[in-house]
Protein backbone atom coordinates (compact mmCIF):
# COMPACT_ATOMS: atom_id res chain seq x y z
CA MET A 1 -19.96 -0.28 6.69
CA PHE A 2 -16.16 -0.26 6.91
CA LYS A 3 -15.09 -0.51 10.50
CA LYS A 4 -12.33 -2.82 11.66
CA PHE A 5 -11.43 -5.98 9.82
CA LEU A 6 -10.31 -9.56 10.12
CA PRO A 7 -6.64 -10.58 10.08
CA TRP A 8 -4.17 -9.65 7.37
CA TYR A 9 -5.14 -12.54 5.16
CA LEU A 10 -8.21 -10.62 3.97
CA LEU A 11 -6.34 -7.35 3.72
CA ALA A 12 -4.27 -8.94 1.03
CA LEU A 13 -7.45 -9.02 -1.01
CA VAL A 14 -7.58 -5.22 -0.99
CA VAL A 15 -4.28 -5.12 -2.78
CA LEU A 16 -5.75 -7.51 -5.31
CA SER A 17 -8.61 -5.17 -5.95
CA LEU A 18 -6.39 -2.22 -6.86
CA ALA A 19 -5.37 -4.27 -9.83
CA PHE A 20 -8.97 -5.11 -10.70
CA ILE A 21 -9.91 -1.45 -11.14
CA TYR A 22 -7.03 -0.77 -13.47
CA GLY A 23 -7.58 -3.71 -15.80
CA CYS A 24 -5.49 -4.85 -18.78
CA GLY A 25 -4.31 -1.49 -20.04
CA SER A 26 -7.65 0.18 -19.33
CA SER A 27 -8.11 3.17 -17.07
CA PRO A 28 -9.46 2.80 -13.55
CA THR A 29 -12.86 4.40 -13.16
CA GLY A 30 -15.38 5.06 -10.45
CA GLY A 31 -18.07 3.19 -12.31
CA GLY A 32 -17.22 -0.39 -11.57
CA GLY A 33 -13.77 -0.82 -13.08
CA ALA A 34 -12.74 -2.85 -16.07
CA THR A 35 -15.22 -5.07 -17.92
CA THR A 36 -12.74 -7.92 -18.34
CA HIS A 37 -10.11 -9.39 -16.07
CA GLY A 38 -7.34 -11.82 -16.91
CA THR A 39 -5.38 -13.92 -14.45
CA TYR A 40 -2.74 -12.07 -12.42
CA SER A 41 -0.32 -13.16 -9.70
CA TYR A 42 0.96 -11.01 -6.83
CA HIS A 43 3.54 -11.34 -4.09
CA GLY A 44 4.00 -9.05 -1.11
CA THR A 45 4.00 -8.35 2.58
CA GLN A 46 1.65 -7.92 5.50
CA SER A 47 2.71 -6.13 8.66
CA PRO A 48 4.60 -7.15 10.70
CA GLY A 49 6.33 -9.30 8.09
CA ASP A 50 4.35 -12.26 6.65
CA VAL A 51 4.93 -13.05 2.97
CA TRP A 52 1.83 -13.55 0.80
CA SER A 53 1.09 -14.84 -2.71
CA TRP A 54 -2.16 -14.25 -4.59
CA THR A 55 -3.67 -15.27 -7.93
CA ILE A 56 -6.71 -13.34 -9.15
CA SER A 57 -8.86 -14.47 -12.07
CA ALA A 58 -12.07 -13.12 -13.59
CA GLU A 59 -14.31 -14.21 -10.69
CA THR A 60 -12.11 -16.22 -8.32
CA PHE A 61 -9.01 -15.82 -6.14
CA PHE A 62 -6.43 -17.96 -4.36
CA GLY A 63 -4.22 -16.64 -1.56
CA SER A 64 -1.53 -18.22 0.58
CA ASN A 65 0.50 -17.02 3.55
CA GLU A 66 3.99 -18.27 2.71
CA THR A 67 5.14 -17.63 6.29
CA THR A 68 2.46 -19.63 8.13
CA GLY A 69 1.23 -22.02 5.41
CA MET A 70 -2.39 -20.79 5.63
CA TRP A 71 -4.32 -20.60 2.33
CA LEU A 72 -7.79 -19.56 1.16
CA THR A 73 -9.92 -19.52 -1.99
CA GLY A 74 -13.14 -17.78 -2.99
CA THR A 75 -15.04 -15.59 -5.43
CA TRP A 76 -15.26 -11.81 -5.94
CA GLU A 77 -17.41 -9.16 -7.61
CA THR A 78 -16.93 -5.49 -8.51
CA LEU A 79 -18.91 -2.85 -6.59
CA PRO A 80 -20.18 0.44 -8.11
CA ALA A 81 -17.45 2.39 -6.26
CA GLY A 82 -14.80 0.37 -8.10
CA PHE A 83 -13.73 -1.75 -5.14
CA GLY A 84 -13.91 -5.53 -5.22
CA LYS A 85 -15.92 -7.58 -2.74
CA ALA A 86 -14.56 -11.07 -1.98
CA THR A 87 -16.20 -14.06 -0.29
CA VAL A 88 -14.14 -16.91 1.19
CA SER A 89 -15.15 -20.40 0.02
CA THR A 90 -12.50 -22.69 1.51
CA SER A 91 -9.41 -22.24 3.70
CA GLU A 92 -6.94 -24.20 5.81
CA GLY A 93 -4.07 -23.47 8.17
CA LEU A 94 -3.23 -21.32 11.17
CA ASP A 95 -5.90 -18.69 11.98
CA HIS A 96 -7.70 -19.36 8.70
CA PRO A 97 -10.97 -17.52 7.95
CA SER A 98 -14.37 -19.21 7.79
CA ALA A 99 -16.41 -19.92 4.69
CA GLY A 100 -18.58 -16.89 3.94
CA ASP A 101 -16.19 -14.33 5.46
CA LYS A 102 -16.01 -11.15 3.39
CA ALA A 103 -13.30 -8.74 2.33
CA TYR A 104 -13.02 -5.60 0.23
CA PHE A 105 -10.06 -5.04 -2.02
CA LEU A 106 -8.58 -2.68 -4.57
CA GLU A 107 -6.53 -3.98 -7.50
CA PHE A 108 -4.62 -2.55 -10.41
CA PRO A 109 -4.06 -5.62 -12.60
CA ASN A 110 -0.45 -6.43 -13.32
CA THR A 111 0.67 -3.75 -10.83
CA MET A 112 -0.58 -4.11 -7.25
CA LEU A 113 -3.21 -5.44 -4.87
CA LEU A 114 -4.56 -4.15 -1.50
CA VAL A 115 -6.99 -6.04 0.77
CA LYS A 116 -9.33 -5.17 3.68
CA PRO A 117 -11.53 -7.63 5.67
CA ASP A 118 -15.12 -6.76 6.58
CA ASN A 119 -15.40 -7.77 10.23
CA GLN A 120 -14.33 -6.80 13.75
CA GLY A 121 -10.76 -7.46 14.86
CA ASP A 122 -7.29 -7.27 13.38
CA SER A 123 -7.08 -5.64 9.94
CA ARG A 124 -3.44 -5.08 9.10
CA VAL A 125 -2.93 -4.10 5.46
CA MET A 126 -1.45 -6.48 2.95
CA VAL A 127 0.38 -4.90 0.04
CA CYS A 128 1.30 -7.08 -2.94
CA ALA A 129 2.93 -6.55 -6.33
CA ALA A 130 2.69 -8.12 -9.77
CA ALA A 131 6.05 -9.56 -10.82
CA ALA A 132 8.10 -7.52 -13.29
CA ALA A 133 9.71 -9.80 -15.87
CA THR A 134 12.82 -7.64 -16.07
CA ALA A 135 14.73 -5.77 -13.38
CA PRO A 136 14.29 -1.99 -13.08
CA ASP A 137 16.94 0.44 -14.24
CA PRO A 138 19.37 1.55 -11.52
CA GLY A 139 18.72 4.96 -9.99
CA LYS A 140 16.84 6.72 -7.22
CA PHE A 141 13.80 5.21 -5.51
CA LEU A 142 11.50 6.57 -2.79
CA PHE A 143 9.81 4.56 -0.03
CA VAL A 144 7.63 4.81 3.08
CA ASN A 145 7.85 2.30 5.90
CA ILE A 146 5.04 -0.07 6.85
CA PRO A 147 5.85 0.08 10.58
CA LYS A 148 7.08 -2.95 12.45
CA SER A 149 5.83 -4.03 15.86
CA GLY A 150 6.64 -1.39 18.47
CA TRP A 151 7.33 1.41 15.96
CA VAL A 152 7.58 4.89 17.57
CA SER A 153 7.87 8.36 16.09
CA SER A 154 11.64 8.44 16.67
CA ASP A 155 12.03 5.47 14.29
CA ALA A 156 12.56 5.83 10.54
CA ALA A 157 9.34 6.68 8.69
CA PHE A 158 10.37 7.14 5.05
CA GLY A 159 13.44 7.47 2.90
CA THR A 160 15.37 7.29 -0.36
CA VAL A 161 17.37 4.52 -2.02
CA GLU A 162 20.14 4.76 -4.60
CA ALA A 163 20.17 1.44 -6.48
CA SER A 164 23.24 0.32 -8.44
CA LEU A 165 24.20 -2.83 -10.33
CA THR A 166 27.74 -4.26 -10.41
CA SER A 167 28.74 -7.63 -11.87
CA GLY A 168 25.20 -8.95 -11.66
CA LYS A 169 24.71 -7.96 -8.01
CA TRP A 170 22.47 -5.13 -6.81
CA HIS A 171 23.44 -2.66 -4.08
CA PHE A 172 21.01 -0.34 -2.25
CA ASN A 173 22.28 2.78 -0.46
CA VAL A 174 19.52 3.77 2.00
CA THR A 175 18.87 7.13 3.71
CA ASN A 176 16.13 7.25 6.37
CA PHE A 177 14.10 10.16 7.73
CA LEU A 178 11.80 10.85 10.66
CA ILE A 179 8.11 11.60 10.06
CA THR A 180 8.92 15.33 10.46
CA GLY A 181 11.57 15.21 7.73
CA GLU A 182 14.81 15.22 9.75
CA LEU A 183 17.51 12.64 9.10
CA GLN A 184 17.21 9.41 11.07
CA GLY A 185 20.66 7.96 10.65
CA ASN A 186 20.43 4.93 12.91
CA ASP A 187 19.06 2.70 10.15
CA ASP A 188 20.99 4.15 7.20
CA GLY A 189 23.39 1.93 5.33
CA THR A 190 23.91 -0.25 2.29
CA ALA A 191 22.14 -3.51 1.50
CA ASP A 192 24.50 -5.46 -0.75
CA ASP A 193 24.66 -8.51 -3.00
CA PHE A 194 21.01 -8.78 -4.04
CA VAL A 195 19.97 -10.79 -7.08
CA TYR A 196 16.84 -10.30 -9.18
CA SER A 197 14.63 -13.14 -10.38
CA ASN A 198 10.95 -13.30 -11.42
CA GLY A 199 10.03 -9.93 -9.93
CA THR A 200 11.83 -10.34 -6.59
CA PHE A 201 15.10 -9.08 -5.12
CA THR A 202 16.64 -11.49 -2.61
CA CYS A 203 19.97 -11.81 -0.78
CA GLU A 204 21.46 -15.25 -0.15
CA SER A 205 23.91 -14.29 2.62
CA GLY A 206 24.63 -11.59 5.19
CA PRO A 207 22.27 -9.49 7.34
CA SER A 208 19.69 -8.99 4.55
CA THR A 209 18.70 -12.63 3.97
CA ASN A 210 15.21 -12.06 5.44
CA LEU A 211 14.56 -9.06 3.19
CA LYS A 212 12.47 -9.55 0.03
CA ILE A 213 11.64 -6.75 -2.41
CA PHE A 214 8.81 -7.27 -4.91
CA MET A 215 8.93 -5.19 -8.12
CA THR A 216 6.04 -4.39 -10.46
CA PRO A 217 6.14 -3.56 -14.18
CA SER A 218 5.26 0.04 -13.16
CA ASN A 219 8.42 0.41 -10.99
CA VAL A 220 6.25 0.30 -7.87
CA PHE A 221 7.76 -1.97 -5.21
CA PHE A 222 6.90 -3.52 -1.85
CA GLY A 223 9.38 -4.86 0.67
CA ASP A 224 9.09 -7.45 3.42
CA SER A 225 11.77 -7.24 6.13
CA GLY A 226 10.95 -10.57 7.78
CA PRO A 227 8.60 -11.74 10.55
CA GLY A 228 7.87 -8.94 13.03
CA GLU A 229 10.05 -6.41 11.20
CA GLY A 230 7.44 -4.70 9.03
CA GLY A 231 8.07 -3.65 5.46
CA PHE A 232 7.96 -0.73 3.04
CA ALA A 233 6.35 0.48 -0.17
CA GLY A 234 7.58 2.87 -2.82
CA ALA A 235 8.34 3.65 -6.44
CA LYS A 236 11.01 4.96 -8.80
CA TYR A 237 11.72 8.67 -8.32
CA ASP A 238 10.05 10.74 -11.06
CA ALA A 239 11.78 14.12 -11.42
CA THR A 240 9.08 15.35 -13.84
CA ILE A 241 6.42 15.49 -11.07
CA THR A 242 7.08 18.97 -9.67
CA ASP A 243 3.67 20.55 -8.93
CA ILE A 244 1.56 18.81 -6.29
CA ASN A 245 -1.49 20.94 -7.19
CA ASN A 246 -1.57 19.41 -10.69
CA VAL A 247 -1.44 15.97 -9.10
CA LEU A 248 -4.33 16.76 -6.75
CA ASN A 249 -6.67 17.91 -9.50
CA HIS A 250 -8.09 14.42 -9.95
CA THR A 251 -10.31 11.83 -8.25
CA TYR A 252 -8.60 9.13 -6.18
CA LYS A 253 -9.52 5.87 -4.44
CA GLY A 254 -7.45 3.79 -2.06
CA VAL A 255 -6.99 2.67 1.53
CA ARG A 256 -5.66 3.95 4.84
CA PHE A 257 -4.41 1.65 7.57
CA ILE A 258 -3.95 2.83 11.17
CA HIS A 259 -1.43 0.82 13.22
CA TYR A 260 -2.54 0.18 16.82
CA PRO A 261 0.33 0.18 19.33
CA GLY A 262 0.34 -2.24 22.26
CA GLY A 263 -2.19 -4.98 22.75
CA ALA A 264 -1.67 -8.69 23.04
CA SER A 265 0.01 -9.08 19.65
CA ASN A 266 1.02 -5.47 18.95
CA ASN A 267 0.04 -6.20 15.35
CA THR A 268 -3.51 -4.87 15.15
CA GLY A 269 -5.03 -1.91 13.41
CA GLU A 270 -7.89 -0.56 11.35
CA THR A 271 -8.17 -0.28 7.59
CA GLU A 272 -10.60 1.96 5.73
CA PRO A 273 -11.28 2.45 2.01
CA ILE A 274 -11.03 6.13 1.11
CA THR A 275 -11.73 8.54 -1.73
CA ALA A 276 -10.15 11.93 -2.32
CA VAL A 277 -10.57 14.96 -4.62
CA ALA A 278 -9.06 18.41 -4.95
CA SER A 279 -10.26 20.93 -2.35
CA ASN A 280 -12.70 23.62 -3.49
CA ASP A 281 -10.02 26.29 -3.06
CA GLY A 282 -7.67 24.36 -5.36
CA VAL A 283 -4.75 24.33 -2.93
CA GLY A 284 -5.18 20.99 -1.19
CA MET A 285 -7.26 17.85 -1.00
CA TRP A 286 -10.50 16.70 0.63
CA ALA A 287 -10.62 13.03 1.64
CA SER A 288 -13.16 10.75 3.30
CA SER A 289 -13.78 7.13 4.12
CA TYR A 290 -17.02 5.47 2.96
CA SER A 291 -19.95 5.12 5.32
CA ASP A 292 -21.21 2.22 3.17
CA ILE A 293 -18.84 0.87 0.53
CA ASP A 294 -21.51 -1.38 -1.03
CA THR A 295 -23.58 1.66 -2.04
CA SER A 296 -20.65 4.13 -2.38
CA ALA A 297 -22.23 6.31 0.36
CA LEU A 298 -19.98 8.96 1.96
CA PRO A 299 -20.43 10.65 5.35
CA GLY A 300 -21.17 14.35 5.60
CA SER A 301 -17.67 15.18 6.83
CA GLY A 302 -14.10 14.29 5.97
CA VAL A 303 -10.63 15.77 6.27
CA ASN A 304 -8.87 18.69 4.62
CA ILE A 305 -5.23 18.18 3.61
CA THR A 306 -2.80 21.00 2.89
CA PHE A 307 0.67 20.52 1.47
CA GLU A 308 4.07 22.19 1.62
CA SER A 309 7.55 21.31 0.43
CA SER A 310 9.38 18.57 2.30
CA PRO A 311 13.06 18.72 3.27
CA VAL A 312 13.46 15.47 1.31
CA ASN A 313 13.56 15.79 -2.48
CA GLY A 314 10.73 13.80 -4.06
CA PHE A 315 8.44 13.98 -1.00
CA THR A 316 5.73 16.43 0.03
CA ARG A 317 4.88 17.20 3.66
CA GLY A 318 1.18 17.51 4.42
CA TYR A 319 -1.14 18.38 7.29
CA VAL A 320 -4.47 16.60 7.73
CA GLU A 321 -7.21 18.47 9.60
CA ASP A 322 -10.31 16.61 10.73
CA ILE A 323 -13.30 18.75 9.78
CA GLY A 324 -15.15 17.68 12.93
CA THR A 325 -12.41 18.00 15.56
CA GLY A 326 -9.86 20.28 13.93
CA GLN A 327 -7.07 17.98 15.14
CA PRO A 328 -3.97 18.13 12.89
CA GLU A 329 -2.03 15.13 11.61
CA ILE A 330 1.31 15.18 9.79
CA ILE A 331 2.04 13.10 6.68
CA GLN A 332 4.91 12.57 4.27
CA ALA A 333 3.81 11.62 0.75
CA ALA A 334 5.37 10.80 -2.61
CA VAL A 335 3.86 10.57 -6.10
CA SER A 336 4.46 8.14 -8.95
CA ARG A 337 2.85 7.33 -12.30
CA ILE A 338 1.66 3.78 -12.95
CA GLY A 339 0.24 1.74 -15.80
CA ALA A 340 -0.09 2.34 -19.52
CA ASP A 341 -2.25 5.42 -18.89
CA GLN A 342 0.26 6.91 -16.41
CA LYS A 343 -2.24 7.42 -13.61
CA TYR A 344 -0.97 9.15 -10.47
CA MET A 345 -0.39 7.11 -7.33
CA ILE A 346 0.04 8.98 -4.02
CA TYR A 347 1.47 6.97 -1.13
CA GLY A 348 2.71 7.95 2.29
CA ILE A 349 2.98 7.60 6.03
CA GLY A 350 1.47 9.75 8.77
CA LEU A 351 1.16 10.27 12.50
CA ASP A 352 -2.29 11.02 13.89
CA GLU A 353 -3.38 13.12 16.88
CA ARG A 354 -3.18 10.02 19.13
CA ASN A 355 0.44 9.40 18.09
CA ARG A 356 -0.49 6.35 16.02
CA SER A 357 1.24 5.73 12.71
CA PHE A 358 -0.76 5.10 9.55
CA ASN A 359 -0.10 4.33 5.89
CA PHE A 360 -2.16 5.36 2.90
CA LEU A 361 -2.14 4.64 -0.82
CA ILE A 362 -4.53 6.23 -3.32
CA ILE A 363 -4.63 5.96 -7.12
CA GLN A 364 -6.19 8.27 -9.72
CA THR A 365 -9.47 6.89 -11.03
CA ASP A 366 -10.68 9.61 -13.45
């Protein structure tokens, strides 16, 4: 059963598994994913700011924490629900896992990877991207923050970026918003003089030298702001996606990660694999975690999500109601299309009834 998980190193495997379901140009499905799997490499971030690299092959994986020097290897298999199940074989370095430790992950090959450990303890999400060979076109991008240590509801939760290219250097004009949709101007500004190489934006001088942005061939991106500073995830703005009800009329799989405030490290949380479908009334979404991911079993209850327009163009504001408690939660979500089959990806940030922030990312699997 999915409860809490081991440290971020295994969460990175969940990102890997998103790519596994999608396959080489094939559609993700709920029946075990693609039948073949090439070798894919991913780079990304883990809250509160560690940089990770992963290589996933047909049955094996290799991961390394570029910040701490820890690395691990192992094997994986595909479960009936479409998630991957990984087993650690060898590892070395600071806080490394033990041989036999497990993780669940979700992969969309050549796009992204998400990982979730299967054990008690820290389970911060790792989000990684396949490297895009060429830089994206300039324009508008949307993002949600992966909160840093000590994040509170008065901090920036999501935002928009206008990307421009001048004389070989990239410039990002950022506008930030609170979880409720109001402007949060304290962190607005321009990140200048970035260069693009092998799927990554970096800055060699100035206040943004710790910032790395990883781009995928699908225009999905993940950012790492440096140790302890969190990160962000997002995608190119798609003006053709105008009706959220059309987007919801599909089956989705993904993960949700709840950030735990306080504690000895202030970097703990809980990750759960989730599935979601359109509500019976056709005006929202029903979502649930798995009671047993190995058998695809779902609990008898879940959450209902209703949506309304957001003050921020490109986002949708939603309200999550727990069927058991009736407690409301607020979310801000955006939608993108990924892969050759243009599957929908819904990603966002929320604040639960206990005032804890959480991130979620789900991808269409029908």
